[in-house]
Amino acid sequence: MPSSEVSGTRDRYRDKRGSSRTLRLIVRDRWLYIMLIPGILYYIIFRFGPVFGLSIVFFEYMPPLGFTGSPFVGFAHFQRMIADPTFFRLLGNTLMLAFLNLVFFFPIPIILSLLLNEIYHIRYKRLLQSFVYLPHFLSWTVLVSIFYMFLAPSGLINQVLQDLGFSRINFLAEPSWFRPMIVLQMIWKEAGWGTIIYLAALSGVDEQLYEAATIDGATRFQRAWHVTLPSIRSTIVILFILRLGNFLDTGFEQIFLMMNSMNRSVAEVFDTYVYTAGVLNGSFSYASTIGLFKSVIALILVISANKAARKVGEEGIY
């Protein structure tokens, strides 16, 4: 038998054997695969399914006519987006809020995790963790209502300012106070929840490294800086890359609830404008164009950050 036929027979035998082994593994772990079905269906229906609807950016979509009956306009919506002065105001507001959240919010869960990790009393540590997790489970409606109670012209903060001899500040209407309030709300609500992954990563740090650093005379701060942070650096990098994927997602519900006619100049972002243009005004195609722009920018940021991470020796997300 020629060597080529022998080689082909061996390859077919290996493929058949590999397929049989894969099938046996699937049958053995069938309940794990069944548990994956809801998650897979979620991504197919709500993540991959809407991608096909993005074709409306090239049409003047009209619901009665459907996708096939709506007139084709090509890149007209993209030209309208670039030519619209509102677009650059939205871009500036979105970038500013996204940058502030990245600079001020992203490091807070890391710092909070380091502080919680230094607590050796287990019951006290779990109690503090429960307190910092709790705001995550509050809806934005409840949280914004709390802020309204404290920051309204007749609220607690202004009452205290007046008692101290200062003039009242209209926090909710002053454009200069809008962005600090948004960042503060984000920190209060999500910083505690963001510590979960970091605390899980900290639990895997080798205790012998701490013991060696203590023997060398390192203080708590030096141990955190030279042992803890380098040990969770890969986790920080991965979460930073994933955060860039949502860089332009400033949060519709939070912004919409805090926005009013007085601070709209700095409060209106892509998320709120898509709702106004698409749902309220019926410009579905134009709103989808702006949404597509956000997704493309997020994709570029994730790919760029992942390449940069791999160049400096980190694993990245792929």
C-alpha atoms as a PDB file:
ATOM      1  CA  MET A   1       0.000   0.000   0.000  1.00  0.00           C
ATOM      2  CA  PRO A   2       1.462   3.383  -0.943  1.00  0.00           C
ATOM      3  CA  SER A   3       2.583   5.633   1.921  1.00  0.00           C
ATOM      4  CA  SER A   4       0.041   8.331   0.951  1.00  0.00           C
ATOM      5  CA  GLU A   5      -2.850   5.869   1.349  1.00  0.00           C
ATOM      6  CA  VAL A   6      -1.441   4.697   4.684  1.00  0.00           C
ATOM      7  CA  SER A   7      -1.194   8.282   5.888  1.00  0.00           C
ATOM      8  CA  GLY A   8      -4.751   9.031   4.725  1.00  0.00           C
ATOM      9  CA  THR A   9      -6.084   5.935   6.495  1.00  0.00           C
ATOM     10  CA  ARG A  10      -4.336   6.953   9.715  1.00  0.00           C
ATOM     11  CA  ASP A  11      -5.755  10.491   9.501  1.00  0.00           C
ATOM     12  CA  ARG A  12      -9.297   9.182   8.981  1.00  0.00           C
ATOM     13  CA  TYR A  13      -8.875   6.789  11.889  1.00  0.00           C
ATOM     14  CA  ARG A  14      -7.622   9.584  14.154  1.00  0.00           C
ATOM     15  CA  ASP A  15     -10.484  11.883  13.115  1.00  0.00           C
ATOM     16  CA  LYS A  16     -13.035   9.144  13.762  1.00  0.00           C
ATOM     17  CA  ARG A  17     -11.434   8.299  17.097  1.00  0.00           C
ATOM     18  CA  GLY A  18     -11.316  11.993  18.083  1.00  0.00           C
ATOM     19  CA  SER A  19     -14.965  12.511  17.138  1.00  0.00           C
ATOM     20  CA  SER A  20     -16.001   9.447  19.109  1.00  0.00           C
ATOM     21  CA  ARG A  21     -14.083  10.680  22.169  1.00  0.00           C
ATOM     22  CA  THR A  22     -15.647  14.150  21.872  1.00  0.00           C
ATOM     23  CA  LEU A  23     -19.113  12.624  21.658  1.00  0.00           C
ATOM     24  CA  ARG A  24     -18.458  10.526  24.770  1.00  0.00           C
ATOM     25  CA  LEU A  25     -17.317  13.618  26.681  1.00  0.00           C
ATOM     26  CA  ILE A  26     -20.446  15.532  25.621  1.00  0.00           C
ATOM     27  CA  VAL A  27     -22.667  12.658  26.755  1.00  0.00           C
ATOM     28  CA  ARG A  28     -20.788  12.409  30.041  1.00  0.00           C
ATOM     29  CA  ASP A  29     -21.109  16.154  30.764  1.00  0.00           C
ATOM     30  CA  ARG A  30     -24.531  16.545  29.163  1.00  0.00           C
ATOM     31  CA  TRP A  31     -26.052  18.327  32.172  1.00  0.00           C
ATOM     32  CA  LEU A  32     -23.350  20.990  32.049  1.00  0.00           C
ATOM     33  CA  TYR A  33     -24.115  21.610  28.383  1.00  0.00           C
ATOM     34  CA  ILE A  34     -27.844  21.741  29.140  1.00  0.00           C
ATOM     35  CA  MET A  35     -27.125  24.427  31.758  1.00  0.00           C
ATOM     36  CA  LEU A  36     -25.336  26.431  29.048  1.00  0.00           C
ATOM     37  CA  ILE A  37     -28.443  26.571  26.850  1.00  0.00           C
ATOM     38  CA  PRO A  38     -30.120  29.595  28.584  1.00  0.00           C
ATOM     39  CA  GLY A  39     -26.932  31.640  28.335  1.00  0.00           C
ATOM     40  CA  ILE A  40     -26.398  30.695  24.701  1.00  0.00           C
ATOM     41  CA  LEU A  41     -30.005  31.549  23.852  1.00  0.00           C
ATOM     42  CA  TYR A  42     -29.632  34.910  25.621  1.00  0.00           C
ATOM     43  CA  TYR A  43     -26.649  35.886  23.494  1.00  0.00           C
ATOM     44  CA  ILE A  44     -28.229  34.607  20.291  1.00  0.00           C
ATOM     45  CA  ILE A  45     -31.521  36.469  20.846  1.00  0.00           C
ATOM     46  CA  PHE A  46     -30.349  39.674  22.500  1.00  0.00           C
ATOM     47  CA  ARG A  47     -26.753  40.057  21.256  1.00  0.00           C
ATOM     48  CA  PHE A  48     -26.315  38.387  17.873  1.00  0.00           C
ATOM     49  CA  GLY A  49     -29.931  38.684  16.691  1.00  0.00           C
ATOM     50  CA  PRO A  50     -30.070  42.509  16.732  1.00  0.00           C
ATOM     51  CA  VAL A  51     -26.919  42.669  14.599  1.00  0.00           C
ATOM     52  CA  PHE A  52     -28.986  41.787  11.535  1.00  0.00           C
ATOM     53  CA  GLY A  53     -31.254  44.743  12.295  1.00  0.00           C
ATOM     54  CA  LEU A  54     -28.337  47.144  11.851  1.00  0.00           C
ATOM     55  CA  SER A  55     -29.068  47.107   8.128  1.00  0.00           C
ATOM     56  CA  ILE A  56     -31.648  49.829   8.783  1.00  0.00           C
ATOM     57  CA  VAL A  57     -28.804  52.364   8.957  1.00  0.00           C
ATOM     58  CA  PHE A  58     -28.725  52.154   5.148  1.00  0.00           C
ATOM     59  CA  PHE A  59     -32.505  52.593   4.838  1.00  0.00           C
ATOM     60  CA  GLU A  60     -35.070  55.183   5.817  1.00  0.00           C
ATOM     61  CA  TYR A  61     -36.792  52.607   7.960  1.00  0.00           C
ATOM     62  CA  MET A  62     -40.563  52.855   8.227  1.00  0.00           C
ATOM     63  CA  PRO A  63     -42.283  50.218  10.389  1.00  0.00           C
ATOM     64  CA  PRO A  64     -45.335  49.828   8.094  1.00  0.00           C
ATOM     65  CA  LEU A  65     -43.060  49.099   5.122  1.00  0.00           C
ATOM     66  CA  GLY A  66     -40.618  46.834   6.943  1.00  0.00           C
ATOM     67  CA  PHE A  67     -36.988  46.230   6.015  1.00  0.00           C
ATOM     68  CA  THR A  68     -37.611  45.299   2.408  1.00  0.00           C
ATOM     69  CA  GLY A  69     -40.101  48.061   1.631  1.00  0.00           C
ATOM     70  CA  SER A  70     -38.239  50.985   3.239  1.00  0.00           C
ATOM     71  CA  PRO A  71     -36.340  53.227   0.788  1.00  0.00           C
ATOM     72  CA  PHE A  72     -32.582  52.670   0.504  1.00  0.00           C
ATOM     73  CA  VAL A  73     -30.540  55.801   1.361  1.00  0.00           C
ATOM     74  CA  GLY A  74     -27.000  54.435   1.539  1.00  0.00           C
ATOM     75  CA  PHE A  75     -24.698  56.477   3.778  1.00  0.00           C
ATOM     76  CA  ALA A  76     -27.081  59.416   4.075  1.00  0.00           C
ATOM     77  CA  HIS A  77     -27.545  58.890   7.819  1.00  0.00           C
ATOM     78  CA  PHE A  78     -23.801  58.839   8.384  1.00  0.00           C
ATOM     79  CA  GLN A  79     -23.465  62.116   6.472  1.00  0.00           C
ATOM     80  CA  ARG A  80     -26.286  63.591   8.524  1.00  0.00           C
ATOM     81  CA  MET A  81     -24.613  62.466  11.739  1.00  0.00           C
ATOM     82  CA  ILE A  82     -21.292  64.117  10.871  1.00  0.00           C
ATOM     83  CA  ALA A  83     -22.941  67.305   9.611  1.00  0.00           C
ATOM     84  CA  ASP A  84     -25.205  67.663  12.648  1.00  0.00           C
ATOM     85  CA  PRO A  85     -23.743  70.146  15.217  1.00  0.00           C
ATOM     86  CA  THR A  86     -25.584  68.238  17.935  1.00  0.00           C
ATOM     87  CA  PHE A  87     -23.432  65.183  17.229  1.00  0.00           C
ATOM     88  CA  PHE A  88     -20.207  66.867  18.345  1.00  0.00           C
ATOM     89  CA  ARG A  89     -21.868  68.200  21.499  1.00  0.00           C
ATOM     90  CA  LEU A  90     -23.081  64.676  22.277  1.00  0.00           C
ATOM     91  CA  LEU A  91     -19.634  63.281  21.536  1.00  0.00           C
ATOM     92  CA  GLY A  92     -17.981  65.804  23.844  1.00  0.00           C
ATOM     93  CA  ASN A  93     -20.428  65.168  26.688  1.00  0.00           C
ATOM     94  CA  THR A  94     -20.136  61.393  26.312  1.00  0.00           C
ATOM     95  CA  LEU A  95     -16.333  61.420  26.166  1.00  0.00           C
ATOM     96  CA  MET A  96     -16.080  63.702  29.186  1.00  0.00           C
ATOM     97  CA  LEU A  97     -18.347  61.518  31.339  1.00  0.00           C
ATOM     98  CA  ALA A  98     -16.653  58.347  30.114  1.00  0.00           C
ATOM     99  CA  PHE A  99     -13.201  59.788  30.872  1.00  0.00           C
ATOM    100  CA  LEU A 100     -14.246  60.917  34.369  1.00  0.00           C
ATOM    101  CA  ASN A 101     -15.728  57.496  35.132  1.00  0.00           C
ATOM    102  CA  LEU A 102     -12.566  55.789  33.897  1.00  0.00           C
ATOM    103  CA  VAL A 103     -10.211  58.014  35.901  1.00  0.00           C
ATOM    104  CA  PHE A 104     -12.170  58.322  39.148  1.00  0.00           C
ATOM    105  CA  PHE A 105     -14.383  55.217  39.250  1.00  0.00           C
ATOM    106  CA  PHE A 106     -12.158  52.459  37.861  1.00  0.00           C
ATOM    107  CA  PRO A 107      -9.429  52.680  40.573  1.00  0.00           C
ATOM    108  CA  ILE A 108     -11.916  52.846  43.483  1.00  0.00           C
ATOM    109  CA  PRO A 109     -12.839  49.101  43.511  1.00  0.00           C
ATOM    110  CA  ILE A 110      -9.121  48.252  43.458  1.00  0.00           C
ATOM    111  CA  ILE A 111      -8.370  50.534  46.418  1.00  0.00           C
ATOM    112  CA  LEU A 112     -11.443  49.301  48.285  1.00  0.00           C
ATOM    113  CA  SER A 113     -10.417  45.682  47.676  1.00  0.00           C
ATOM    114  CA  LEU A 114      -6.941  46.351  49.063  1.00  0.00           C
ATOM    115  CA  LEU A 115      -8.447  47.943  52.163  1.00  0.00           C
ATOM    116  CA  LEU A 116     -10.883  45.064  52.695  1.00  0.00           C
ATOM    117  CA  ASN A 117      -8.065  42.581  52.184  1.00  0.00           C
ATOM    118  CA  GLU A 118      -6.172  44.120  55.098  1.00  0.00           C
ATOM    119  CA  ILE A 119      -9.032  43.356  57.515  1.00  0.00           C
ATOM    120  CA  TYR A 120      -8.198  40.132  59.347  1.00  0.00           C
ATOM    121  CA  HIS A 121     -11.353  39.905  61.482  1.00  0.00           C
ATOM    122  CA  ILE A 122     -13.542  37.697  59.265  1.00  0.00           C
ATOM    123  CA  ARG A 123     -16.956  38.643  60.678  1.00  0.00           C
ATOM    124  CA  TYR A 124     -16.170  42.361  60.575  1.00  0.00           C
ATOM    125  CA  LYS A 125     -14.839  42.002  57.036  1.00  0.00           C
ATOM    126  CA  ARG A 126     -17.991  40.214  55.824  1.00  0.00           C
ATOM    127  CA  LEU A 127     -20.177  42.865  57.460  1.00  0.00           C
ATOM    128  CA  LEU A 128     -18.314  45.649  55.651  1.00  0.00           C
ATOM    129  CA  GLN A 129     -18.528  43.732  52.382  1.00  0.00           C
ATOM    130  CA  SER A 130     -22.294  43.459  52.780  1.00  0.00           C
ATOM    131  CA  PHE A 131     -22.559  47.201  53.361  1.00  0.00           C
ATOM    132  CA  VAL A 132     -20.523  48.107  50.278  1.00  0.00           C
ATOM    133  CA  TYR A 133     -22.405  45.565  48.103  1.00  0.00           C
ATOM    134  CA  LEU A 134     -25.834  46.837  49.136  1.00  0.00           C
ATOM    135  CA  PRO A 135     -26.094  49.971  46.897  1.00  0.00           C
ATOM    136  CA  HIS A 136     -25.651  47.796  43.796  1.00  0.00           C
ATOM    137  CA  PHE A 137     -29.071  46.248  44.398  1.00  0.00           C
ATOM    138  CA  LEU A 138     -30.812  49.631  44.493  1.00  0.00           C
ATOM    139  CA  SER A 139     -32.368  50.765  41.235  1.00  0.00           C
ATOM    140  CA  TRP A 140     -31.222  54.042  39.718  1.00  0.00           C
ATOM    141  CA  THR A 141     -34.696  55.424  40.375  1.00  0.00           C
ATOM    142  CA  VAL A 142     -34.306  54.873  44.114  1.00  0.00           C
ATOM    143  CA  LEU A 143     -30.738  56.145  44.181  1.00  0.00           C
ATOM    144  CA  VAL A 144     -31.534  59.310  42.218  1.00  0.00           C
ATOM    145  CA  SER A 145     -34.525  59.920  44.502  1.00  0.00           C
ATOM    146  CA  ILE A 146     -32.172  59.791  47.485  1.00  0.00           C
ATOM    147  CA  PHE A 147     -29.885  62.312  45.795  1.00  0.00           C
ATOM    148  CA  TYR A 148     -32.861  64.557  45.104  1.00  0.00           C
ATOM    149  CA  MET A 149     -33.793  64.465  48.794  1.00  0.00           C
ATOM    150  CA  PHE A 150     -30.277  65.488  49.839  1.00  0.00           C
ATOM    151  CA  LEU A 151     -29.394  67.944  47.053  1.00  0.00           C
ATOM    152  CA  ALA A 152     -32.695  69.690  46.351  1.00  0.00           C
ATOM    153  CA  PRO A 153     -32.787  73.465  47.084  1.00  0.00           C
ATOM    154  CA  SER A 154     -34.641  72.648  50.318  1.00  0.00           C
ATOM    155  CA  GLY A 155     -32.722  69.410  50.930  1.00  0.00           C
ATOM    156  CA  LEU A 156     -30.448  68.421  53.781  1.00  0.00           C
ATOM    157  CA  ILE A 157     -27.186  69.607  52.190  1.00  0.00           C
ATOM    158  CA  ASN A 158     -28.521  73.087  51.473  1.00  0.00           C
ATOM    159  CA  GLN A 159     -29.990  73.295  54.958  1.00  0.00           C
ATOM    160  CA  VAL A 160     -26.553  72.554  56.405  1.00  0.00           C
ATOM    161  CA  LEU A 161     -24.914  75.117  54.092  1.00  0.00           C
ATOM    162  CA  GLN A 162     -27.417  77.735  55.131  1.00  0.00           C
ATOM    163  CA  ASP A 163     -26.887  76.972  58.830  1.00  0.00           C
ATOM    164  CA  LEU A 164     -23.144  77.403  58.325  1.00  0.00           C
ATOM    165  CA  GLY A 165     -23.676  80.804  56.728  1.00  0.00           C
ATOM    166  CA  PHE A 166     -23.208  79.806  53.080  1.00  0.00           C
ATOM    167  CA  SER A 167     -25.659  80.458  50.270  1.00  0.00           C
ATOM    168  CA  ARG A 168     -27.768  77.637  48.857  1.00  0.00           C
ATOM    169  CA  ILE A 169     -26.537  75.795  45.764  1.00  0.00           C
ATOM    170  CA  ASN A 170     -28.923  74.429  43.171  1.00  0.00           C
ATOM    171  CA  PHE A 171     -26.971  71.207  42.591  1.00  0.00           C
ATOM    172  CA  LEU A 172     -29.651  69.653  40.383  1.00  0.00           C
ATOM    173  CA  ALA A 173     -29.877  72.571  37.946  1.00  0.00           C
ATOM    174  CA  GLU A 174     -26.282  73.829  37.801  1.00  0.00           C
ATOM    175  CA  PRO A 175     -24.495  72.316  34.757  1.00  0.00           C
ATOM    176  CA  SER A 176     -21.154  72.510  36.574  1.00  0.00           C
ATOM    177  CA  TRP A 177     -22.395  70.100  39.263  1.00  0.00           C
ATOM    178  CA  PHE A 178     -23.903  67.513  36.925  1.00  0.00           C
ATOM    179  CA  ARG A 179     -20.756  65.538  36.098  1.00  0.00           C
ATOM    180  CA  PRO A 180     -19.430  65.340  39.684  1.00  0.00           C
ATOM    181  CA  MET A 181     -22.827  64.055  40.815  1.00  0.00           C
ATOM    182  CA  ILE A 182     -22.873  61.381  38.097  1.00  0.00           C
ATOM    183  CA  VAL A 183     -19.403  60.131  39.032  1.00  0.00           C
ATOM    184  CA  LEU A 184     -20.241  60.193  42.750  1.00  0.00           C
ATOM    185  CA  GLN A 185     -23.422  58.192  42.138  1.00  0.00           C
ATOM    186  CA  MET A 186     -21.514  55.625  40.095  1.00  0.00           C
ATOM    187  CA  ILE A 187     -18.882  55.227  42.815  1.00  0.00           C
ATOM    188  CA  TRP A 188     -21.486  54.888  45.551  1.00  0.00           C
ATOM    189  CA  LYS A 189     -23.576  52.343  43.656  1.00  0.00           C
ATOM    190  CA  GLU A 190     -21.032  50.131  41.894  1.00  0.00           C
ATOM    191  CA  ALA A 191     -17.671  50.439  43.679  1.00  0.00           C
ATOM    192  CA  GLY A 192     -18.520  47.789  46.263  1.00  0.00           C
ATOM    193  CA  TRP A 193     -19.849  45.367  43.674  1.00  0.00           C
ATOM    194  CA  GLY A 194     -16.705  45.868  41.605  1.00  0.00           C
ATOM    195  CA  THR A 195     -14.552  44.526  44.425  1.00  0.00           C
ATOM    196  CA  ILE A 196     -15.857  40.967  44.027  1.00  0.00           C
ATOM    197  CA  ILE A 197     -13.495  39.964  41.230  1.00  0.00           C
ATOM    198  CA  TYR A 198     -10.512  41.695  42.830  1.00  0.00           C
ATOM    199  CA  LEU A 199     -11.130  40.018  46.196  1.00  0.00           C
ATOM    200  CA  ALA A 200     -11.338  36.676  44.402  1.00  0.00           C
ATOM    201  CA  ALA A 201      -7.990  37.413  42.746  1.00  0.00           C
ATOM    202  CA  LEU A 202      -6.487  38.496  46.087  1.00  0.00           C
ATOM    203  CA  SER A 203      -7.475  35.188  47.669  1.00  0.00           C
ATOM    204  CA  GLY A 204      -5.091  33.452  45.275  1.00  0.00           C
ATOM    205  CA  VAL A 205      -2.004  35.447  46.269  1.00  0.00           C
ATOM    206  CA  ASP A 206       0.665  33.228  47.832  1.00  0.00           C
ATOM    207  CA  GLU A 207       0.903  33.908  51.578  1.00  0.00           C
ATOM    208  CA  GLN A 208       4.626  33.093  51.479  1.00  0.00           C
ATOM    209  CA  LEU A 209       5.200  36.289  49.520  1.00  0.00           C
ATOM    210  CA  TYR A 210       3.702  38.310  52.366  1.00  0.00           C
ATOM    211  CA  GLU A 211       5.745  36.400  54.917  1.00  0.00           C
ATOM    212  CA  ALA A 212       8.953  37.030  52.967  1.00  0.00           C
ATOM    213  CA  ALA A 213       8.131  40.731  52.620  1.00  0.00           C
ATOM    214  CA  THR A 214       7.385  40.963  56.369  1.00  0.00           C
ATOM    215  CA  ILE A 215      10.721  39.334  57.209  1.00  0.00           C
ATOM    216  CA  ASP A 216      12.421  41.895  54.969  1.00  0.00           C
ATOM    217  CA  GLY A 217      10.808  44.655  57.020  1.00  0.00           C
ATOM    218  CA  ALA A 218       8.143  45.761  54.535  1.00  0.00           C
ATOM    219  CA  THR A 219       5.280  47.820  55.924  1.00  0.00           C
ATOM    220  CA  ARG A 220       1.627  47.141  55.077  1.00  0.00           C
ATOM    221  CA  PHE A 221       1.690  49.755  52.345  1.00  0.00           C
ATOM    222  CA  GLN A 222       4.904  48.328  50.884  1.00  0.00           C
ATOM    223  CA  ARG A 223       3.436  44.806  50.921  1.00  0.00           C
ATOM    224  CA  ALA A 224       0.337  46.047  49.116  1.00  0.00           C
ATOM    225  CA  TRP A 225       2.416  47.962  46.557  1.00  0.00           C
ATOM    226  CA  HIS A 226       5.138  45.389  45.883  1.00  0.00           C
ATOM    227  CA  VAL A 227       3.270  42.111  46.466  1.00  0.00           C
ATOM    228  CA  THR A 228      -0.497  42.511  46.212  1.00  0.00           C
ATOM    229  CA  LEU A 229      -0.791  44.815  43.200  1.00  0.00           C
ATOM    230  CA  PRO A 230       1.728  42.895  41.025  1.00  0.00           C
ATOM    231  CA  SER A 231      -0.086  39.663  41.895  1.00  0.00           C
ATOM    232  CA  ILE A 232      -3.442  40.940  40.585  1.00  0.00           C
ATOM    233  CA  ARG A 233      -2.025  43.012  37.730  1.00  0.00           C
ATOM    234  CA  SER A 234      -3.314  40.659  35.043  1.00  0.00           C
ATOM    235  CA  THR A 235      -6.844  40.863  36.522  1.00  0.00           C
ATOM    236  CA  ILE A 236      -6.662  44.658  36.545  1.00  0.00           C
ATOM    237  CA  VAL A 237      -5.532  44.732  32.912  1.00  0.00           C
ATOM    238  CA  ILE A 238      -8.313  42.397  31.739  1.00  0.00           C
ATOM    239  CA  LEU A 239     -10.996  44.372  33.575  1.00  0.00           C
ATOM    240  CA  PHE A 240      -9.568  47.605  32.187  1.00  0.00           C
ATOM    241  CA  ILE A 241      -9.810  46.263  28.635  1.00  0.00           C
ATOM    242  CA  LEU A 242     -13.380  45.105  29.234  1.00  0.00           C
ATOM    243  CA  ARG A 243     -14.166  48.510  30.717  1.00  0.00           C
ATOM    244  CA  LEU A 244     -13.008  50.162  27.503  1.00  0.00           C
ATOM    245  CA  GLY A 245     -15.571  48.052  25.666  1.00  0.00           C
ATOM    246  CA  ASN A 246     -18.245  49.995  27.559  1.00  0.00           C
ATOM    247  CA  PHE A 247     -16.323  53.272  27.430  1.00  0.00           C
ATOM    248  CA  LEU A 248     -19.087  55.219  25.685  1.00  0.00           C
ATOM    249  CA  ASP A 249     -21.901  53.539  27.642  1.00  0.00           C
ATOM    250  CA  THR A 250     -22.502  56.263  30.194  1.00  0.00           C
ATOM    251  CA  GLY A 251     -25.748  54.728  31.435  1.00  0.00           C
ATOM    252  CA  PHE A 252     -29.112  55.738  30.010  1.00  0.00           C
ATOM    253  CA  GLU A 253     -31.277  55.416  33.106  1.00  0.00           C
ATOM    254  CA  GLN A 254     -28.961  57.339  35.409  1.00  0.00           C
ATOM    255  CA  ILE A 255     -28.404  60.212  32.957  1.00  0.00           C
ATOM    256  CA  PHE A 256     -32.058  60.361  31.938  1.00  0.00           C
ATOM    257  CA  LEU A 257     -33.227  60.651  35.546  1.00  0.00           C
ATOM    258  CA  MET A 258     -30.669  63.344  36.403  1.00  0.00           C
ATOM    259  CA  MET A 259     -31.141  65.383  33.231  1.00  0.00           C
ATOM    260  CA  ASN A 260     -33.410  68.433  33.118  1.00  0.00           C
ATOM    261  CA  SER A 261     -33.855  71.516  30.960  1.00  0.00           C
ATOM    262  CA  MET A 262     -31.248  73.449  32.977  1.00  0.00           C
ATOM    263  CA  ASN A 263     -28.353  71.000  32.657  1.00  0.00           C
ATOM    264  CA  ARG A 264     -29.208  69.458  29.269  1.00  0.00           C
ATOM    265  CA  SER A 265     -26.244  71.198  27.596  1.00  0.00           C
ATOM    266  CA  VAL A 266     -23.809  68.957  29.516  1.00  0.00           C
ATOM    267  CA  ALA A 267     -26.138  66.057  30.380  1.00  0.00           C
ATOM    268  CA  GLU A 268     -27.328  64.868  26.988  1.00  0.00           C
ATOM    269  CA  VAL A 269     -25.205  61.977  25.730  1.00  0.00           C
ATOM    270  CA  PHE A 270     -25.477  59.355  22.998  1.00  0.00           C
ATOM    271  CA  ASP A 271     -27.631  57.031  25.120  1.00  0.00           C
ATOM    272  CA  THR A 272     -30.281  59.654  25.878  1.00  0.00           C
ATOM    273  CA  TYR A 273     -30.203  61.077  22.354  1.00  0.00           C
ATOM    274  CA  VAL A 274     -30.761  57.643  20.806  1.00  0.00           C
ATOM    275  CA  TYR A 275     -33.861  57.300  22.968  1.00  0.00           C
ATOM    276  CA  THR A 276     -35.086  60.788  22.010  1.00  0.00           C
ATOM    277  CA  ALA A 277     -34.395  60.397  18.289  1.00  0.00           C
ATOM    278  CA  GLY A 278     -35.402  56.771  17.934  1.00  0.00           C
ATOM    279  CA  VAL A 279     -38.291  56.214  20.352  1.00  0.00           C
ATOM    280  CA  LEU A 280     -39.808  59.672  20.781  1.00  0.00           C
ATOM    281  CA  ASN A 281     -39.190  61.133  17.302  1.00  0.00           C
ATOM    282  CA  GLY A 282     -39.384  57.889  15.314  1.00  0.00           C
ATOM    283  CA  SER A 283     -36.011  58.313  13.546  1.00  0.00           C
ATOM    284  CA  PHE A 284     -35.111  54.653  13.939  1.00  0.00           C
ATOM    285  CA  SER A 285     -32.450  54.591  11.236  1.00  0.00           C
ATOM    286  CA  TYR A 286     -30.634  57.697  12.464  1.00  0.00           C
ATOM    287  CA  ALA A 287     -30.704  56.491  16.071  1.00  0.00           C
ATOM    288  CA  SER A 288     -29.303  53.122  14.963  1.00  0.00           C
ATOM    289  CA  THR A 289     -26.527  54.925  13.096  1.00  0.00           C
ATOM    290  CA  ILE A 290     -25.427  56.665  16.279  1.00  0.00           C
ATOM    291  CA  GLY A 291     -25.623  53.360  18.163  1.00  0.00           C
ATOM    292  CA  LEU A 292     -23.470  51.698  15.491  1.00  0.00           C
ATOM    293  CA  PHE A 293     -20.921  54.497  15.810  1.00  0.00           C
ATOM    294  CA  LYS A 294     -20.668  53.795  19.542  1.00  0.00           C
ATOM    295  CA  SER A 295     -20.164  50.084  18.942  1.00  0.00           C
ATOM    296  CA  VAL A 296     -17.424  50.648  16.362  1.00  0.00           C
ATOM    297  CA  ILE A 297     -15.530  52.982  18.695  1.00  0.00           C
ATOM    298  CA  ALA A 298     -15.824  50.449  21.529  1.00  0.00           C
ATOM    299  CA  LEU A 299     -14.510  47.666  19.272  1.00  0.00           C
ATOM    300  CA  ILE A 300     -11.521  49.790  18.235  1.00  0.00           C
ATOM    301  CA  LEU A 301     -10.711  50.630  21.865  1.00  0.00           C
ATOM    302  CA  VAL A 302     -10.878  46.987  22.970  1.00  0.00           C
ATOM    303  CA  ILE A 303      -8.670  45.751  20.113  1.00  0.00           C
ATOM    304  CA  SER A 304      -6.128  48.554  20.649  1.00  0.00           C
ATOM    305  CA  ALA A 305      -5.982  48.045  24.415  1.00  0.00           C
ATOM    306  CA  ASN A 306      -5.635  44.284  24.017  1.00  0.00           C
ATOM    307  CA  LYS A 307      -2.730  44.692  21.576  1.00  0.00           C
ATOM    308  CA  ALA A 308      -1.041  47.177  23.904  1.00  0.00           C
ATOM    309  CA  ALA A 309      -1.457  44.794  26.845  1.00  0.00           C
ATOM    310  CA  ARG A 310       0.088  41.904  24.926  1.00  0.00           C
ATOM    311  CA  LYS A 311       3.020  44.069  23.858  1.00  0.00           C
ATOM    312  CA  VAL A 312       3.921  44.818  27.467  1.00  0.00           C
ATOM    313  CA  GLY A 313       3.729  41.144  28.407  1.00  0.00           C
ATOM    314  CA  GLU A 314       0.162  40.781  29.706  1.00  0.00           C
ATOM    315  CA  GLU A 315      -2.222  38.072  28.518  1.00  0.00           C
ATOM    316  CA  GLY A 316      -5.097  40.271  27.347  1.00  0.00           C
ATOM    317  CA  ILE A 317      -8.547  38.891  26.683  1.00  0.00           C
ATOM    318  CA  TYR A 318      -7.652  36.921  23.532  1.00  0.00           C
END
